[in-house]
Amino acid sequence: MKELYPWQTESWQALLELRARLPHALLLKGAQGIGKLDLAMNFAQAMLCEKPKADGTACRECNSCRWFEQDSHPDFRLIQPDALSTEEGDEKPGGKKPSREISVDQIRDLSSFTNLSAHCGGYRVVLIHPTEAMNNNAANSLLKTLEEPTDKLLFLLVTHKPQQLLPTILSRCLSFTVHTPTRETGADWLAQQGVKNPEQALAQTGFAPLQALGWAESGEGAEERSILLGAIRQPAKMDALALADSLQRSAPVYVIHCLQQWCHDLASAKLAGVVRYFPEQSEELIKLAGGVSSVALMRFQKDLLEARRAAFHPLNPKLFLESLLLAYRQLFAV
């Protein structure tokens, strides 16, 4: 399990202060890629630890900590989609891909755990991640458990999309915001991990250090981003069809993600003269922003948002990208 990250000191202290008056359900929310799950896991282990350190973290030496780190603690349950619980690329019997949802059966299987007393005499902890992955039946099943909490049972719900959760679930949880680290803190940490151009890597992921590190280590989406940026910086010369052809083997979500960030910076440059995701292209963005309609740009951003929802299952990836790129070039048509 990961240690606490440098930017989580304040959040950790706030969690420790809650221990004196713990709710039965705590909703940890914040941006994706900032370490919410690691924070929740550290808190869960500390709650179960037999002799926590002075700073409130788990000792990692007692029997409880050893069980926790071996994924065998009798008073802890981690509920997440099969796709996160299995090795990447693993398939279920019959060739089925692991589910990306949390099923109702996974929640129902908690019934015996939540109704029994703690094995070690302290708290029992259930961590659900990401909470928005629950399907409707699972969410309704969880709601029944939250409505009838038992003594010394703590639910830790981790999400970066709280707006997708049932209002009735939100109302039964204490909301806890995990803040995104500052640009300086995030960049310093990435530099310590050996990431080249840490500020640029951080900006490209919306200032999410863990996501930036993952992209930097895997090179995921880097080629697509380079090809796309080389073209959209000069919309008048951009060949949308040829560009779509060169990107057709790429995951559409990476293309859309880059377009969303670029268009965010265009809007910000137009309205405020500042950019967020592409500071190295500030002058180009400000110049381009002067030739685009605010209304048309907002409409295109809405189209990108809808496209992102369908990005994992486009019927025809090439046509899908052609449509988006033609719409982008049209923004600058005179």
Protein backbone atom coordinates (compact mmCIF):
# COMPACT_ATOMS: atom_id res chain seq x y z
CA MET A 1 0.00 0.00 0.00
CA LYS A 2 1.20 3.52 -0.84
CA GLU A 3 2.36 5.97 1.80
CA LEU A 4 0.54 9.28 2.17
CA TYR A 5 1.46 11.77 -0.56
CA PRO A 6 3.03 15.14 0.29
CA TRP A 7 -0.14 17.04 -0.59
CA GLN A 8 -2.34 14.93 1.70
CA THR A 9 -1.06 16.21 5.06
CA GLU A 10 -3.97 18.59 5.56
CA SER A 11 -6.55 15.99 4.51
CA TRP A 12 -4.99 13.43 6.84
CA GLN A 13 -5.17 15.76 9.82
CA ALA A 14 -8.80 16.51 9.02
CA LEU A 15 -9.57 12.77 8.93
CA LEU A 16 -7.86 12.24 12.27
CA GLU A 17 -9.99 14.98 13.82
CA LEU A 18 -13.10 13.12 12.66
CA ARG A 19 -12.16 9.99 14.59
CA ALA A 20 -13.64 11.45 17.77
CA ARG A 21 -17.05 11.77 16.10
CA LEU A 22 -17.00 9.36 13.17
CA PRO A 23 -20.12 9.12 11.01
CA HIS A 24 -21.21 5.71 9.79
CA ALA A 25 -20.44 6.73 6.18
CA LEU A 26 -17.76 9.06 4.86
CA LEU A 27 -17.72 10.22 1.23
CA LEU A 28 -14.22 11.09 0.01
CA LYS A 29 -14.58 13.14 -3.15
CA GLY A 30 -12.16 15.00 -5.38
CA ALA A 31 -10.50 15.01 -8.79
CA GLN A 32 -9.38 11.78 -10.39
CA GLY A 33 -5.71 10.92 -10.06
CA ILE A 34 -4.90 12.72 -6.79
CA GLY A 35 -4.70 9.68 -4.49
CA LYS A 36 -8.15 9.48 -2.86
CA LEU A 37 -8.08 5.68 -2.79
CA ASP A 38 -4.62 5.60 -1.19
CA LEU A 39 -5.76 8.12 1.41
CA ALA A 40 -8.84 6.01 2.19
CA MET A 41 -6.78 2.82 2.42
CA ASN A 42 -4.35 4.46 4.82
CA PHE A 43 -7.24 5.67 6.96
CA ALA A 44 -8.89 2.24 6.95
CA GLN A 45 -5.65 0.57 8.03
CA ALA A 46 -5.11 3.17 10.75
CA MET A 47 -8.65 2.59 12.04
CA LEU A 48 -7.91 -1.12 12.41
CA CYS A 49 -4.31 -0.83 13.64
CA GLU A 50 -3.60 -2.07 17.17
CA LYS A 51 -0.97 0.58 17.96
CA PRO A 52 -1.06 3.58 15.57
CA LYS A 53 1.93 5.92 15.38
CA ALA A 54 1.95 9.39 16.91
CA ASP A 55 0.93 10.92 13.56
CA GLY A 56 -2.11 8.66 13.40
CA THR A 57 -0.80 6.38 10.65
CA ALA A 58 -0.79 2.61 11.01
CA CYS A 59 2.24 0.95 12.61
CA ARG A 60 2.47 -1.68 9.83
CA GLU A 61 3.89 -4.14 12.34
CA CYS A 62 0.97 -5.47 14.41
CA ASN A 63 -1.12 -8.50 13.43
CA SER A 64 -3.91 -6.23 12.19
CA CYS A 65 -1.57 -4.37 9.85
CA ARG A 66 -0.06 -7.60 8.55
CA TRP A 67 -3.52 -8.97 7.78
CA PHE A 68 -4.47 -5.70 6.10
CA GLU A 69 -1.41 -5.66 3.86
CA GLN A 70 -2.01 -9.29 2.92
CA ASP A 71 -5.62 -8.47 1.91
CA SER A 72 -6.91 -10.85 4.60
CA HIS A 73 -8.12 -8.61 7.42
CA PRO A 74 -11.38 -10.08 8.80
CA ASP A 75 -12.76 -6.62 9.65
CA PHE A 76 -12.12 -4.97 6.26
CA ARG A 77 -13.81 -5.27 2.87
CA LEU A 78 -12.77 -3.55 -0.36
CA ILE A 79 -15.56 -3.41 -2.93
CA GLN A 80 -14.59 -2.44 -6.47
CA PRO A 81 -15.32 -3.55 -10.05
CA ASP A 82 -13.84 -6.84 -11.23
CA ALA A 83 -11.88 -4.86 -13.83
CA LEU A 84 -9.90 -3.24 -11.01
CA SER A 85 -9.58 -6.42 -8.95
CA THR A 86 -8.06 -8.58 -11.71
CA GLU A 87 -4.81 -8.28 -13.59
CA GLU A 88 -5.00 -6.16 -16.71
CA GLY A 89 -5.98 -8.27 -19.68
CA ASP A 90 -7.36 -11.15 -17.58
CA GLU A 91 -10.66 -12.56 -18.75
CA LYS A 92 -13.38 -14.41 -16.94
CA PRO A 93 -14.29 -17.99 -17.88
CA GLY A 94 -15.99 -18.01 -21.25
CA GLY A 95 -13.90 -15.14 -22.58
CA LYS A 96 -15.94 -12.42 -20.87
CA LYS A 97 -14.13 -9.25 -19.93
CA PRO A 98 -14.15 -8.25 -16.24
CA SER A 99 -17.01 -5.90 -15.42
CA ARG A 100 -16.40 -2.18 -14.88
CA GLU A 101 -19.47 -2.01 -12.63
CA ILE A 102 -20.00 -2.82 -8.98
CA SER A 103 -22.80 -5.36 -8.99
CA VAL A 104 -25.72 -5.77 -6.62
CA ASP A 105 -24.34 -9.17 -5.60
CA GLN A 106 -21.13 -7.53 -4.36
CA ILE A 107 -23.18 -5.24 -2.10
CA ARG A 108 -25.52 -7.99 -0.95
CA ASP A 109 -22.54 -10.14 -0.01
CA LEU A 110 -21.74 -7.53 2.65
CA SER A 111 -24.84 -8.41 4.66
CA SER A 112 -23.19 -11.04 6.83
CA PHE A 113 -20.11 -8.85 7.34
CA THR A 114 -22.09 -5.77 8.40
CA ASN A 115 -24.28 -7.69 10.85
CA LEU A 116 -21.53 -9.54 12.68
CA SER A 117 -19.41 -8.13 15.50
CA ALA A 118 -15.82 -7.16 14.74
CA HIS A 119 -13.29 -9.98 14.85
CA CYS A 120 -10.77 -7.77 16.67
CA GLY A 121 -13.31 -6.00 18.85
CA GLY A 122 -12.96 -2.59 17.17
CA TYR A 123 -14.33 -1.13 13.94
CA ARG A 124 -15.35 -2.90 10.77
CA VAL A 125 -14.56 -0.91 7.61
CA VAL A 126 -16.04 -1.18 4.12
CA LEU A 127 -14.30 0.77 1.33
CA ILE A 128 -16.19 1.18 -1.96
CA HIS A 129 -14.21 2.47 -4.96
CA PRO A 130 -15.18 4.08 -7.21
CA THR A 131 -18.62 4.54 -5.73
CA GLU A 132 -20.07 5.84 -9.00
CA ALA A 133 -19.34 2.41 -10.55
CA MET A 134 -22.32 0.91 -8.68
CA ASN A 135 -25.22 0.05 -10.95
CA ASN A 136 -28.72 1.12 -9.87
CA ASN A 137 -29.52 -2.13 -8.09
CA ALA A 138 -26.23 -2.04 -6.19
CA ALA A 139 -26.80 1.59 -5.18
CA ASN A 140 -30.27 0.82 -3.87
CA SER A 141 -28.98 -2.19 -1.97
CA LEU A 142 -26.27 -0.06 -0.35
CA LEU A 143 -28.85 2.55 0.58
CA LYS A 144 -30.76 0.00 2.65
CA THR A 145 -27.58 -0.75 4.63
CA LEU A 146 -26.82 2.93 5.14
CA GLU A 147 -30.35 3.53 6.41
CA GLU A 148 -29.86 1.00 9.21
CA PRO A 149 -26.24 1.47 10.38
CA THR A 150 -24.83 -0.90 12.98
CA ASP A 151 -22.44 0.03 15.75
CA LYS A 152 -18.76 0.51 14.91
CA LEU A 153 -19.24 0.01 11.17
CA LEU A 154 -17.63 2.59 8.89
CA PHE A 155 -18.28 2.96 5.16
CA LEU A 156 -15.64 4.82 3.14
CA LEU A 157 -17.05 5.81 -0.24
CA VAL A 158 -14.48 7.11 -2.73
CA THR A 159 -15.61 9.01 -5.82
CA HIS A 160 -14.60 11.64 -8.35
CA LYS A 161 -18.17 11.85 -9.72
CA PRO A 162 -20.42 12.53 -6.71
CA GLN A 163 -23.02 14.03 -9.04
CA GLN A 164 -23.71 10.52 -10.34
CA LEU A 165 -24.61 9.12 -6.92
CA LEU A 166 -28.15 8.84 -5.61
CA PRO A 167 -29.14 11.94 -3.61
CA THR A 168 -30.36 9.61 -0.87
CA ILE A 169 -26.88 8.07 -0.58
CA LEU A 170 -25.26 11.51 -0.50
CA SER A 171 -27.62 12.59 2.28
CA ARG A 172 -26.52 9.68 4.47
CA CYS A 173 -22.80 10.38 4.16
CA LEU A 174 -20.53 13.02 5.59
CA SER A 175 -18.92 14.69 2.60
CA PHE A 176 -15.13 15.04 2.75
CA THR A 177 -13.34 16.91 -0.04
CA VAL A 178 -9.83 15.78 -0.96
CA HIS A 179 -8.16 18.79 -2.57
CA THR A 180 -6.05 18.77 -5.72
CA PRO A 181 -2.42 19.60 -4.92
CA THR A 182 -0.96 22.95 -5.92
CA ARG A 183 0.94 23.18 -9.19
CA GLU A 184 4.24 23.52 -7.30
CA THR A 185 3.65 20.55 -5.00
CA GLY A 186 2.50 18.30 -7.82
CA ALA A 187 5.37 19.25 -10.12
CA ASP A 188 7.96 18.80 -7.37
CA TRP A 189 6.64 15.32 -6.61
CA LEU A 190 6.65 14.33 -10.29
CA ALA A 191 10.23 15.56 -10.64
CA GLN A 192 11.20 13.35 -7.69
CA GLN A 193 9.65 10.40 -9.56
CA GLY A 194 11.90 11.12 -12.54
CA VAL A 195 9.26 12.61 -14.84
CA LYS A 196 10.69 14.88 -17.54
CA ASN A 197 8.92 18.23 -17.97
CA PRO A 198 6.85 17.67 -14.79
CA GLU A 199 4.93 20.95 -15.06
CA GLN A 200 3.80 20.11 -18.58
CA ALA A 201 2.90 16.53 -17.61
CA LEU A 202 0.91 17.84 -14.65
CA ALA A 203 -0.99 20.43 -16.70
CA GLN A 204 -1.96 17.87 -19.34
CA THR A 205 -3.82 15.79 -16.75
CA GLY A 206 -5.62 18.66 -15.08
CA PHE A 207 -3.07 18.81 -12.24
CA ALA A 208 -3.59 15.20 -11.15
CA PRO A 209 -0.10 13.93 -10.18
CA LEU A 210 -0.85 10.20 -10.13
CA GLN A 211 -2.48 10.31 -13.53
CA ALA A 212 0.43 12.37 -14.86
CA LEU A 213 2.90 9.80 -13.52
CA GLY A 214 0.93 6.95 -15.06
CA TRP A 215 0.86 8.62 -18.45
CA ALA A 216 4.55 9.49 -18.28
CA GLU A 217 5.57 5.93 -17.37
CA SER A 218 3.38 4.22 -19.95
CA GLY A 219 3.57 6.80 -22.72
CA GLU A 220 -0.17 6.32 -22.97
CA GLY A 221 -1.74 8.78 -25.38
CA ALA A 222 1.54 10.64 -25.93
CA GLU A 223 1.78 9.92 -29.67
CA GLU A 224 -1.86 10.80 -30.30
CA ARG A 225 -1.44 14.04 -28.36
CA SER A 226 1.64 15.05 -30.34
CA ILE A 227 -0.05 14.38 -33.71
CA LEU A 228 -3.24 16.16 -32.68
CA LEU A 229 -1.55 19.24 -31.24
CA GLY A 230 0.60 19.62 -34.33
CA ALA A 231 -2.59 19.93 -36.39
CA ILE A 232 -5.12 21.83 -34.27
CA ARG A 233 -2.64 24.65 -33.66
CA GLN A 234 -3.14 25.56 -37.33
CA PRO A 235 -6.84 24.99 -38.04
CA ALA A 236 -6.72 26.81 -41.39
CA LYS A 237 -4.21 24.24 -42.71
CA MET A 238 -5.67 21.23 -40.90
CA ASP A 239 -6.80 18.30 -43.04
CA ALA A 240 -9.47 16.82 -40.79
CA LEU A 241 -9.95 13.64 -42.82
CA ALA A 242 -6.23 12.86 -43.05
CA LEU A 243 -5.83 13.63 -39.35
CA ALA A 244 -8.68 11.27 -38.44
CA ASP A 245 -7.07 8.60 -40.59
CA SER A 246 -3.75 8.94 -38.73
CA LEU A 247 -5.53 8.75 -35.36
CA GLN A 248 -8.04 5.98 -36.13
CA ARG A 249 -6.08 3.32 -34.23
CA SER A 250 -5.88 5.53 -31.17
CA ALA A 251 -8.31 5.32 -28.27
CA PRO A 252 -10.86 8.08 -29.04
CA VAL A 253 -10.95 9.10 -25.38
CA TYR A 254 -7.36 10.41 -25.57
CA VAL A 255 -8.16 12.52 -28.61
CA ILE A 256 -11.29 13.92 -26.98
CA HIS A 257 -9.47 14.59 -23.71
CA CYS A 258 -6.86 16.66 -25.54
CA LEU A 259 -9.50 18.55 -27.54
CA GLN A 260 -11.41 19.33 -24.35
CA GLN A 261 -8.33 20.79 -22.70
CA TRP A 262 -7.39 22.76 -25.82
CA CYS A 263 -10.88 24.21 -26.14
CA HIS A 264 -10.96 25.03 -22.42
CA ASP A 265 -7.78 27.04 -22.92
CA LEU A 266 -9.24 28.72 -26.02
CA ALA A 267 -12.27 29.82 -24.00
CA SER A 268 -10.13 30.93 -21.08
CA ALA A 269 -7.77 32.82 -23.38
CA LYS A 270 -10.70 34.58 -25.04
CA LEU A 271 -12.46 35.56 -21.83
CA ALA A 272 -9.56 36.14 -19.45
CA GLY A 273 -6.36 36.08 -21.49
CA VAL A 274 -4.94 33.12 -19.51
CA VAL A 275 -4.49 29.41 -20.23
CA ARG A 276 -4.32 26.38 -17.94
CA TYR A 277 -3.40 23.21 -19.78
CA PHE A 278 -1.04 24.46 -22.49
CA PRO A 279 0.99 27.32 -20.99
CA GLU A 280 3.76 26.77 -23.53
CA GLN A 281 1.26 27.61 -26.33
CA SER A 282 -0.21 30.68 -24.62
CA GLU A 283 0.54 33.11 -27.44
CA GLU A 284 -0.90 30.78 -30.10
CA LEU A 285 -4.03 30.14 -28.06
CA ILE A 286 -4.68 33.82 -27.40
CA LYS A 287 -4.25 34.57 -31.11
CA LEU A 288 -6.56 31.71 -32.16
CA ALA A 289 -9.16 32.69 -29.55
CA GLY A 290 -9.57 36.04 -31.25
CA GLY A 291 -10.93 34.33 -34.37
CA VAL A 292 -13.53 32.08 -32.83
CA SER A 293 -17.09 32.79 -31.66
CA SER A 294 -17.71 32.29 -27.96
CA VAL A 295 -21.12 30.77 -28.67
CA ALA A 296 -19.73 28.34 -31.25
CA LEU A 297 -16.89 27.37 -28.92
CA MET A 298 -19.29 26.66 -26.04
CA ARG A 299 -21.46 24.58 -28.37
CA PHE A 300 -18.44 22.55 -29.48
CA GLN A 301 -17.37 21.99 -25.86
CA LYS A 302 -20.82 20.59 -25.17
CA ASP A 303 -20.46 18.28 -28.20
CA LEU A 304 -17.11 17.07 -26.85
CA LEU A 305 -18.69 16.30 -23.49
CA GLU A 306 -21.34 14.17 -25.17
CA ALA A 307 -18.71 12.53 -27.38
CA ARG A 308 -16.67 11.55 -24.35
CA ARG A 309 -19.58 9.57 -22.97
CA ALA A 310 -19.60 7.48 -26.16
CA ALA A 311 -15.83 7.40 -26.61
CA PHE A 312 -15.32 3.85 -25.32
CA HIS A 313 -17.84 2.31 -27.71
CA PRO A 314 -17.96 4.29 -30.99
CA LEU A 315 -19.58 2.37 -33.83
CA ASN A 316 -16.99 3.63 -36.29
CA PRO A 317 -13.94 5.26 -34.64
CA LYS A 318 -12.71 6.90 -37.85
CA LEU A 319 -16.04 8.54 -38.67
CA PHE A 320 -16.40 9.46 -35.01
CA LEU A 321 -13.09 11.37 -35.10
CA GLU A 322 -13.75 12.87 -38.53
CA SER A 323 -16.97 14.42 -37.26
CA LEU A 324 -15.26 16.00 -34.24
CA LEU A 325 -12.26 17.30 -36.18
CA LEU A 326 -14.40 18.77 -38.96
CA ALA A 327 -16.51 20.52 -36.31
CA TYR A 328 -13.34 21.92 -34.73
CA ARG A 329 -12.04 23.28 -38.03
CA GLN A 330 -15.44 24.82 -38.73
CA LEU A 331 -15.04 26.97 -35.60
CA PHE A 332 -12.46 29.02 -37.45
CA ALA A 333 -14.15 29.15 -40.84
CA VAL A 334 -14.60 32.69 -42.07
